[in-house]
Amino acid sequence: MKFGRTLALSALLALAASLPAAAQTKPYNEGSVWGISLIKVKPGMQDIYLRDLGVARKKLMEEAKKQGLILSEKILIGQASDREDWDLMLMVEFKNWAAFDGLTDKFDALSLKMVGTEEKQVQMMVKRTETREILGNKTMQEITLK
C-alpha cells in the first residue's frame, strides 16, 4: 500500500513538473512575415490607381525577389464594409523577422535604381494621394496550427 502511494505521488510530481514545459510549447509553427498596407481607393479611381501603382511596383517587387529581399507579394481587392473601410490590401512576404535587418537601406538603393531619384519618388507618392488613402500598415507573422 505504501508503495502504491509513493508511486502515485511520484507520478503526480512528474506530471506537475511537466506542466510548465507543456504550457510553454506553442500550439503553432511560425511562418513567414508579411508587411501589409490597407488602402482606401477613392471612388471611381481604382483603375487609375492600379495603373499608376503598377508602373513602378511590379518592376521593384520583381527585382526585390531576384535579390532575395522578399519571397512574394500580393494585391487583394474587394468591397469595403463601410465608408471608412479599406478596399485594397498590398502584401509583401518576407522570410522571417531577421529579413528586416538593413532592409530600408537595401530598398532605398533598389528604389533609386528602379524608380528614380528621391524627388521623383516623392512626386509619385504625392500623385497617388489623389487616388487613394493609406488607412494603416501592419506587420504580421503567418502561423500554422499544430
N, C-alpha and C. Protein backbone atom coordinates (compact mmCIF):
# COMPACT_ATOMS: atom_id res chain seq x y z
N MET A 1 0.82 -1.19 0.00
CA MET A 1 0.00 0.00 0.00
C MET A 1 0.87 1.25 0.00
N LYS A 2 1.94 1.23 0.82
CA LYS A 2 2.84 2.37 0.89
C LYS A 2 3.52 2.58 -0.47
N PHE A 3 3.87 1.47 -1.13
CA PHE A 3 4.49 1.54 -2.45
C PHE A 3 3.54 2.19 -3.46
N GLY A 4 2.27 1.87 -3.38
CA GLY A 4 1.25 2.42 -4.29
C GLY A 4 1.11 3.92 -4.13
N ARG A 5 1.12 4.39 -2.86
CA ARG A 5 1.03 5.84 -2.61
C ARG A 5 2.29 6.55 -3.11
N THR A 6 3.42 5.93 -2.89
CA THR A 6 4.68 6.52 -3.34
C THR A 6 4.70 6.62 -4.87
N LEU A 7 4.24 5.57 -5.52
CA LEU A 7 4.18 5.56 -6.97
C LEU A 7 3.21 6.63 -7.48
N ALA A 8 2.05 6.74 -6.86
CA ALA A 8 1.05 7.74 -7.25
C ALA A 8 1.58 9.15 -7.03
N LEU A 9 2.26 9.37 -5.89
CA LEU A 9 2.84 10.68 -5.59
C LEU A 9 3.94 11.02 -6.59
N SER A 10 4.76 10.05 -6.94
CA SER A 10 5.83 10.26 -7.92
C SER A 10 5.25 10.62 -9.28
N ALA A 11 4.19 9.91 -9.66
CA ALA A 11 3.54 10.18 -10.95
C ALA A 11 2.94 11.58 -10.96
N LEU A 12 2.32 11.99 -9.84
CA LEU A 12 1.73 13.31 -9.73
C LEU A 12 2.79 14.40 -9.82
N LEU A 13 3.92 14.20 -9.13
CA LEU A 13 5.02 15.17 -9.17
C LEU A 13 5.61 15.26 -10.58
N ALA A 14 5.75 14.12 -11.25
CA ALA A 14 6.28 14.12 -12.61
C ALA A 14 5.34 14.88 -13.55
N LEU A 15 4.05 14.68 -13.37
CA LEU A 15 3.06 15.38 -14.19
C LEU A 15 3.11 16.88 -13.93
N ALA A 16 3.19 17.26 -12.66
CA ALA A 16 3.24 18.67 -12.28
C ALA A 16 4.50 19.33 -12.84
N ALA A 17 5.61 18.62 -12.83
CA ALA A 17 6.86 19.17 -13.33
C ALA A 17 6.81 19.38 -14.85
N SER A 18 6.04 18.57 -15.54
CA SER A 18 5.98 18.69 -17.00
C SER A 18 4.99 19.76 -17.45
N LEU A 19 4.10 20.22 -16.59
CA LEU A 19 3.10 21.21 -16.99
C LEU A 19 3.70 22.52 -17.47
N PRO A 20 4.68 23.12 -16.77
CA PRO A 20 5.24 24.37 -17.29
C PRO A 20 5.86 24.19 -18.68
N ALA A 21 6.51 23.06 -18.92
CA ALA A 21 7.11 22.82 -20.23
C ALA A 21 6.02 22.70 -21.29
N ALA A 22 4.95 22.02 -20.98
CA ALA A 22 3.85 21.87 -21.94
C ALA A 22 3.18 23.21 -22.20
N ALA A 23 3.06 24.02 -21.17
CA ALA A 23 2.42 25.32 -21.32
C ALA A 23 3.27 26.25 -22.19
N GLN A 24 4.59 26.05 -22.21
CA GLN A 24 5.47 26.90 -23.00
C GLN A 24 5.54 26.48 -24.46
N THR A 25 5.12 25.29 -24.79
CA THR A 25 5.12 24.83 -26.16
C THR A 25 3.99 25.54 -26.90
N LYS A 26 4.35 26.23 -27.97
CA LYS A 26 3.35 26.97 -28.72
C LYS A 26 2.50 26.01 -29.55
N PRO A 27 1.23 26.31 -29.69
CA PRO A 27 0.33 25.43 -30.46
C PRO A 27 0.41 25.69 -31.97
N TYR A 28 1.47 26.35 -32.41
CA TYR A 28 1.61 26.67 -33.83
C TYR A 28 3.08 26.71 -34.23
N ASN A 29 3.31 26.63 -35.53
CA ASN A 29 4.64 26.81 -36.10
C ASN A 29 4.69 28.19 -36.74
N GLU A 30 5.81 28.87 -36.56
CA GLU A 30 5.96 30.20 -37.13
C GLU A 30 6.32 30.12 -38.61
N GLY A 31 5.73 31.01 -39.38
CA GLY A 31 5.99 31.04 -40.81
C GLY A 31 6.59 32.37 -41.22
N SER A 32 6.35 32.75 -42.44
CA SER A 32 6.90 33.98 -42.99
C SER A 32 6.22 35.20 -42.36
N VAL A 33 6.82 36.37 -42.60
CA VAL A 33 6.32 37.63 -42.05
C VAL A 33 5.80 38.48 -43.22
N TRP A 34 4.67 39.10 -43.01
CA TRP A 34 4.03 39.89 -44.06
C TRP A 34 3.97 41.37 -43.68
N GLY A 35 4.37 42.23 -44.60
CA GLY A 35 4.15 43.66 -44.49
C GLY A 35 2.86 43.96 -45.24
N ILE A 36 1.92 44.59 -44.58
CA ILE A 36 0.58 44.79 -45.15
C ILE A 36 0.22 46.27 -45.10
N SER A 37 -0.27 46.78 -46.22
CA SER A 37 -0.80 48.15 -46.27
C SER A 37 -2.27 48.07 -46.62
N LEU A 38 -3.08 48.78 -45.85
CA LEU A 38 -4.54 48.81 -46.05
C LEU A 38 -4.88 50.13 -46.74
N ILE A 39 -5.43 50.03 -47.93
CA ILE A 39 -5.64 51.19 -48.79
C ILE A 39 -7.13 51.40 -49.05
N LYS A 40 -7.54 52.64 -49.00
CA LYS A 40 -8.90 53.02 -49.40
C LYS A 40 -8.77 53.80 -50.70
N VAL A 41 -9.21 53.19 -51.80
CA VAL A 41 -9.14 53.85 -53.10
C VAL A 41 -10.35 54.79 -53.21
N LYS A 42 -10.10 55.98 -53.70
CA LYS A 42 -11.18 56.95 -53.84
C LYS A 42 -12.17 56.49 -54.91
N PRO A 43 -13.45 56.83 -54.74
CA PRO A 43 -14.48 56.38 -55.68
C PRO A 43 -14.13 56.67 -57.14
N GLY A 44 -14.28 55.65 -57.97
CA GLY A 44 -14.02 55.79 -59.40
C GLY A 44 -12.56 55.84 -59.80
N MET A 45 -11.65 55.66 -58.84
CA MET A 45 -10.23 55.82 -59.12
C MET A 45 -9.44 54.51 -59.11
N GLN A 46 -10.12 53.38 -58.98
CA GLN A 46 -9.42 52.11 -58.81
C GLN A 46 -8.48 51.79 -59.97
N ASP A 47 -8.97 51.84 -61.19
CA ASP A 47 -8.12 51.53 -62.34
C ASP A 47 -6.97 52.53 -62.49
N ILE A 48 -7.26 53.78 -62.25
CA ILE A 48 -6.22 54.82 -62.34
C ILE A 48 -5.14 54.56 -61.30
N TYR A 49 -5.54 54.26 -60.07
CA TYR A 49 -4.57 53.97 -59.01
C TYR A 49 -3.73 52.74 -59.34
N LEU A 50 -4.39 51.66 -59.76
CA LEU A 50 -3.66 50.43 -60.06
C LEU A 50 -2.73 50.59 -61.26
N ARG A 51 -3.15 51.35 -62.25
CA ARG A 51 -2.29 51.63 -63.40
C ARG A 51 -1.05 52.38 -62.94
N ASP A 52 -1.24 53.40 -62.12
CA ASP A 52 -0.13 54.20 -61.62
C ASP A 52 0.78 53.37 -60.71
N LEU A 53 0.18 52.59 -59.85
CA LEU A 53 0.94 51.75 -58.92
C LEU A 53 1.76 50.71 -59.67
N GLY A 54 1.17 50.15 -60.71
CA GLY A 54 1.84 49.08 -61.45
C GLY A 54 3.09 49.51 -62.18
N VAL A 55 3.18 50.77 -62.54
CA VAL A 55 4.34 51.27 -63.29
C VAL A 55 5.64 50.94 -62.57
N ALA A 56 5.75 51.30 -61.33
CA ALA A 56 7.00 51.10 -60.59
C ALA A 56 6.98 49.85 -59.71
N ARG A 57 5.84 49.56 -59.12
CA ARG A 57 5.78 48.48 -58.12
C ARG A 57 6.15 47.12 -58.70
N LYS A 58 5.64 46.80 -59.87
CA LYS A 58 5.89 45.48 -60.45
C LYS A 58 7.38 45.26 -60.67
N LYS A 59 8.05 46.23 -61.29
CA LYS A 59 9.49 46.10 -61.52
C LYS A 59 10.26 46.02 -60.20
N LEU A 60 9.87 46.86 -59.26
CA LEU A 60 10.55 46.90 -57.96
C LEU A 60 10.41 45.57 -57.22
N MET A 61 9.20 45.04 -57.19
CA MET A 61 8.97 43.78 -56.47
C MET A 61 9.67 42.60 -57.16
N GLU A 62 9.68 42.59 -58.49
CA GLU A 62 10.38 41.51 -59.20
C GLU A 62 11.88 41.53 -58.91
N GLU A 63 12.45 42.72 -58.89
CA GLU A 63 13.88 42.83 -58.59
C GLU A 63 14.16 42.49 -57.13
N ALA A 64 13.27 42.88 -56.23
CA ALA A 64 13.44 42.53 -54.81
C ALA A 64 13.40 41.02 -54.62
N LYS A 65 12.55 40.33 -55.38
CA LYS A 65 12.51 38.86 -55.34
C LYS A 65 13.82 38.28 -55.84
N LYS A 66 14.32 38.79 -56.97
CA LYS A 66 15.58 38.30 -57.54
C LYS A 66 16.73 38.45 -56.55
N GLN A 67 16.73 39.56 -55.81
CA GLN A 67 17.80 39.83 -54.85
C GLN A 67 17.59 39.11 -53.52
N GLY A 68 16.47 38.42 -53.37
CA GLY A 68 16.20 37.69 -52.14
C GLY A 68 15.73 38.55 -50.98
N LEU A 69 15.30 39.78 -51.28
CA LEU A 69 14.81 40.67 -50.22
C LEU A 69 13.41 40.28 -49.77
N ILE A 70 12.61 39.76 -50.71
CA ILE A 70 11.25 39.33 -50.40
C ILE A 70 11.01 37.94 -50.98
N LEU A 71 10.00 37.26 -50.46
CA LEU A 71 9.61 35.96 -51.00
C LEU A 71 8.55 36.11 -52.09
N SER A 72 7.56 36.98 -51.81
CA SER A 72 6.47 37.18 -52.76
C SER A 72 5.75 38.47 -52.42
N GLU A 73 4.80 38.81 -53.27
CA GLU A 73 3.93 39.97 -53.00
C GLU A 73 2.58 39.69 -53.62
N LYS A 74 1.56 40.27 -53.00
CA LYS A 74 0.19 40.07 -53.47
C LYS A 74 -0.58 41.37 -53.32
N ILE A 75 -1.59 41.49 -54.14
CA ILE A 75 -2.54 42.59 -54.01
C ILE A 75 -3.92 41.95 -53.93
N LEU A 76 -4.65 42.28 -52.88
CA LEU A 76 -6.03 41.80 -52.72
C LEU A 76 -6.96 42.99 -52.87
N ILE A 77 -8.05 42.76 -53.57
CA ILE A 77 -9.02 43.83 -53.79
C ILE A 77 -10.41 43.30 -53.47
N GLY A 78 -11.24 44.14 -52.91
CA GLY A 78 -12.59 43.72 -52.55
C GLY A 78 -13.44 44.91 -52.18
N GLN A 79 -14.61 44.62 -51.67
CA GLN A 79 -15.53 45.69 -51.29
C GLN A 79 -15.26 46.13 -49.86
N ALA A 80 -15.33 47.42 -49.65
CA ALA A 80 -15.24 47.96 -48.30
C ALA A 80 -16.55 47.67 -47.57
N SER A 81 -16.46 47.44 -46.26
CA SER A 81 -17.67 47.14 -45.49
C SER A 81 -18.45 48.40 -45.12
N ASP A 82 -17.77 49.54 -45.15
CA ASP A 82 -18.43 50.82 -44.92
C ASP A 82 -17.56 51.93 -45.52
N ARG A 83 -17.99 53.17 -45.37
CA ARG A 83 -17.29 54.30 -45.99
C ARG A 83 -15.89 54.52 -45.45
N GLU A 84 -15.61 54.02 -44.26
CA GLU A 84 -14.31 54.23 -43.63
C GLU A 84 -13.37 53.03 -43.79
N ASP A 85 -13.81 51.98 -44.47
CA ASP A 85 -13.05 50.73 -44.56
C ASP A 85 -12.12 50.74 -45.78
N TRP A 86 -11.11 49.90 -45.74
CA TRP A 86 -10.19 49.73 -46.86
C TRP A 86 -10.82 48.80 -47.90
N ASP A 87 -10.33 48.91 -49.14
CA ASP A 87 -10.82 48.03 -50.20
C ASP A 87 -9.69 47.41 -51.02
N LEU A 88 -8.46 47.71 -50.65
CA LEU A 88 -7.31 47.15 -51.34
C LEU A 88 -6.21 46.88 -50.32
N MET A 89 -5.60 45.71 -50.42
CA MET A 89 -4.54 45.34 -49.49
C MET A 89 -3.28 45.00 -50.28
N LEU A 90 -2.20 45.68 -49.96
CA LEU A 90 -0.90 45.37 -50.54
C LEU A 90 -0.15 44.50 -49.54
N MET A 91 0.37 43.37 -49.99
CA MET A 91 1.04 42.43 -49.09
C MET A 91 2.42 42.08 -49.65
N VAL A 92 3.43 42.13 -48.79
CA VAL A 92 4.79 41.74 -49.17
C VAL A 92 5.25 40.70 -48.16
N GLU A 93 5.70 39.55 -48.66
CA GLU A 93 6.10 38.43 -47.81
C GLU A 93 7.62 38.39 -47.65
N PHE A 94 8.05 38.30 -46.38
CA PHE A 94 9.46 38.20 -46.04
C PHE A 94 9.72 36.85 -45.38
N LYS A 95 10.94 36.35 -45.49
CA LYS A 95 11.26 35.03 -44.96
C LYS A 95 11.00 34.93 -43.46
N ASN A 96 11.46 35.94 -42.70
CA ASN A 96 11.31 35.94 -41.25
C ASN A 96 11.57 37.36 -40.74
N TRP A 97 11.57 37.52 -39.42
CA TRP A 97 11.79 38.84 -38.83
C TRP A 97 13.21 39.35 -39.12
N ALA A 98 14.18 38.45 -39.21
CA ALA A 98 15.56 38.85 -39.48
C ALA A 98 15.71 39.49 -40.86
N ALA A 99 14.80 39.21 -41.76
CA ALA A 99 14.85 39.79 -43.11
C ALA A 99 14.74 41.31 -43.08
N PHE A 100 14.25 41.88 -41.98
CA PHE A 100 14.09 43.32 -41.86
C PHE A 100 15.39 44.03 -41.50
N ASP A 101 16.41 43.28 -41.08
CA ASP A 101 17.70 43.89 -40.73
C ASP A 101 18.32 44.53 -41.97
N GLY A 102 18.50 45.84 -41.94
CA GLY A 102 19.10 46.56 -43.06
C GLY A 102 18.22 46.69 -44.28
N LEU A 103 16.96 46.33 -44.16
CA LEU A 103 16.05 46.31 -45.31
C LEU A 103 15.78 47.70 -45.88
N THR A 104 15.67 48.70 -45.04
CA THR A 104 15.38 50.05 -45.52
C THR A 104 16.46 50.54 -46.46
N ASP A 105 17.72 50.37 -46.08
CA ASP A 105 18.82 50.80 -46.94
C ASP A 105 18.82 50.04 -48.26
N LYS A 106 18.53 48.74 -48.21
CA LYS A 106 18.51 47.92 -49.43
C LYS A 106 17.38 48.36 -50.36
N PHE A 107 16.20 48.63 -49.79
CA PHE A 107 15.08 49.06 -50.62
C PHE A 107 15.28 50.48 -51.13
N ASP A 108 15.92 51.34 -50.33
CA ASP A 108 16.21 52.69 -50.80
C ASP A 108 17.11 52.65 -52.03
N ALA A 109 18.16 51.82 -51.98
CA ALA A 109 19.08 51.68 -53.11
C ALA A 109 18.36 51.09 -54.32
N LEU A 110 17.53 50.11 -54.08
CA LEU A 110 16.78 49.47 -55.17
C LEU A 110 15.79 50.45 -55.79
N SER A 111 15.11 51.23 -54.97
CA SER A 111 14.15 52.22 -55.47
C SER A 111 14.84 53.29 -56.29
N LEU A 112 16.00 53.71 -55.84
CA LEU A 112 16.78 54.71 -56.58
C LEU A 112 17.14 54.18 -57.97
N LYS A 113 17.54 52.92 -58.02
CA LYS A 113 17.93 52.28 -59.28
C LYS A 113 16.72 52.03 -60.19
N MET A 114 15.62 51.53 -59.63
CA MET A 114 14.48 51.09 -60.43
C MET A 114 13.45 52.20 -60.72
N VAL A 115 13.27 53.11 -59.78
CA VAL A 115 12.22 54.12 -59.90
C VAL A 115 12.78 55.49 -60.27
N GLY A 116 13.89 55.85 -59.65
CA GLY A 116 14.49 57.14 -59.94
C GLY A 116 14.87 57.87 -58.66
N THR A 117 15.17 59.13 -58.81
CA THR A 117 15.64 59.94 -57.69
C THR A 117 14.60 60.01 -56.57
N GLU A 118 15.06 60.42 -55.42
CA GLU A 118 14.15 60.57 -54.28
C GLU A 118 13.06 61.59 -54.62
N GLU A 119 13.43 62.64 -55.34
CA GLU A 119 12.45 63.66 -55.74
C GLU A 119 11.36 63.05 -56.62
N LYS A 120 11.76 62.21 -57.57
CA LYS A 120 10.78 61.55 -58.44
C LYS A 120 9.88 60.62 -57.63
N GLN A 121 10.46 59.91 -56.67
CA GLN A 121 9.67 59.01 -55.83
C GLN A 121 8.65 59.79 -55.01
N VAL A 122 9.05 60.93 -54.48
CA VAL A 122 8.13 61.77 -53.70
C VAL A 122 7.00 62.28 -54.60
N GLN A 123 7.33 62.69 -55.83
CA GLN A 123 6.30 63.16 -56.76
C GLN A 123 5.27 62.06 -57.04
N MET A 124 5.76 60.82 -57.20
CA MET A 124 4.85 59.70 -57.45
C MET A 124 3.94 59.46 -56.25
N MET A 125 4.51 59.55 -55.05
CA MET A 125 3.71 59.33 -53.84
C MET A 125 2.66 60.42 -53.67
N VAL A 126 3.05 61.67 -53.93
CA VAL A 126 2.11 62.78 -53.82
C VAL A 126 0.98 62.61 -54.83
N LYS A 127 1.32 62.19 -56.05
CA LYS A 127 0.30 61.97 -57.08
C LYS A 127 -0.70 60.91 -56.64
N ARG A 128 -0.22 59.88 -55.97
CA ARG A 128 -1.11 58.79 -55.53
C ARG A 128 -2.11 59.26 -54.48
N THR A 129 -1.80 60.33 -53.75
CA THR A 129 -2.75 60.81 -52.74
C THR A 129 -4.04 61.30 -53.39
N GLU A 130 -3.99 61.57 -54.69
CA GLU A 130 -5.19 61.99 -55.41
C GLU A 130 -6.15 60.82 -55.64
N THR A 131 -5.63 59.59 -55.57
CA THR A 131 -6.44 58.42 -55.90
C THR A 131 -6.68 57.47 -54.74
N ARG A 132 -5.93 57.63 -53.66
CA ARG A 132 -6.07 56.68 -52.55
C ARG A 132 -5.64 57.31 -51.23
N GLU A 133 -6.05 56.62 -50.16
CA GLU A 133 -5.65 56.99 -48.80
C GLU A 133 -5.13 55.72 -48.12
N ILE A 134 -3.97 55.84 -47.48
CA ILE A 134 -3.44 54.70 -46.72
C ILE A 134 -4.08 54.75 -45.34
N LEU A 135 -4.87 53.73 -45.01
CA LEU A 135 -5.56 53.69 -43.72
C LEU A 135 -4.69 53.09 -42.62
N GLY A 136 -3.70 52.30 -43.00
CA GLY A 136 -2.83 51.72 -41.99
C GLY A 136 -1.85 50.73 -42.58
N ASN A 137 -0.85 50.43 -41.78
CA ASN A 137 0.16 49.43 -42.13
C ASN A 137 0.29 48.46 -40.98
N LYS A 138 0.53 47.21 -41.30
CA LYS A 138 0.71 46.18 -40.28
C LYS A 138 1.86 45.28 -40.70
N THR A 139 2.50 44.70 -39.72
CA THR A 139 3.47 43.64 -39.96
C THR A 139 2.98 42.46 -39.14
N MET A 140 2.73 41.34 -39.84
CA MET A 140 2.14 40.18 -39.18
C MET A 140 2.88 38.92 -39.58
N GLN A 141 2.89 37.96 -38.67
CA GLN A 141 3.55 36.69 -38.96
C GLN A 141 2.53 35.61 -39.24
N GLU A 142 2.78 34.87 -40.31
CA GLU A 142 1.93 33.74 -40.66
C GLU A 142 2.23 32.60 -39.70
N ILE A 143 1.20 31.89 -39.28
CA ILE A 143 1.39 30.73 -38.41
C ILE A 143 0.59 29.55 -38.97
N THR A 144 1.03 28.37 -38.60
CA THR A 144 0.32 27.15 -38.95
C THR A 144 0.03 26.41 -37.66
N LEU A 145 -1.23 26.15 -37.38
CA LEU A 145 -1.59 25.43 -36.16
C LEU A 145 -1.05 24.01 -36.21
N LYS A 146 -0.59 23.55 -35.05
CA LYS A 146 -0.06 22.18 -34.96
C LYS A 146 -1.19 21.18 -34.87
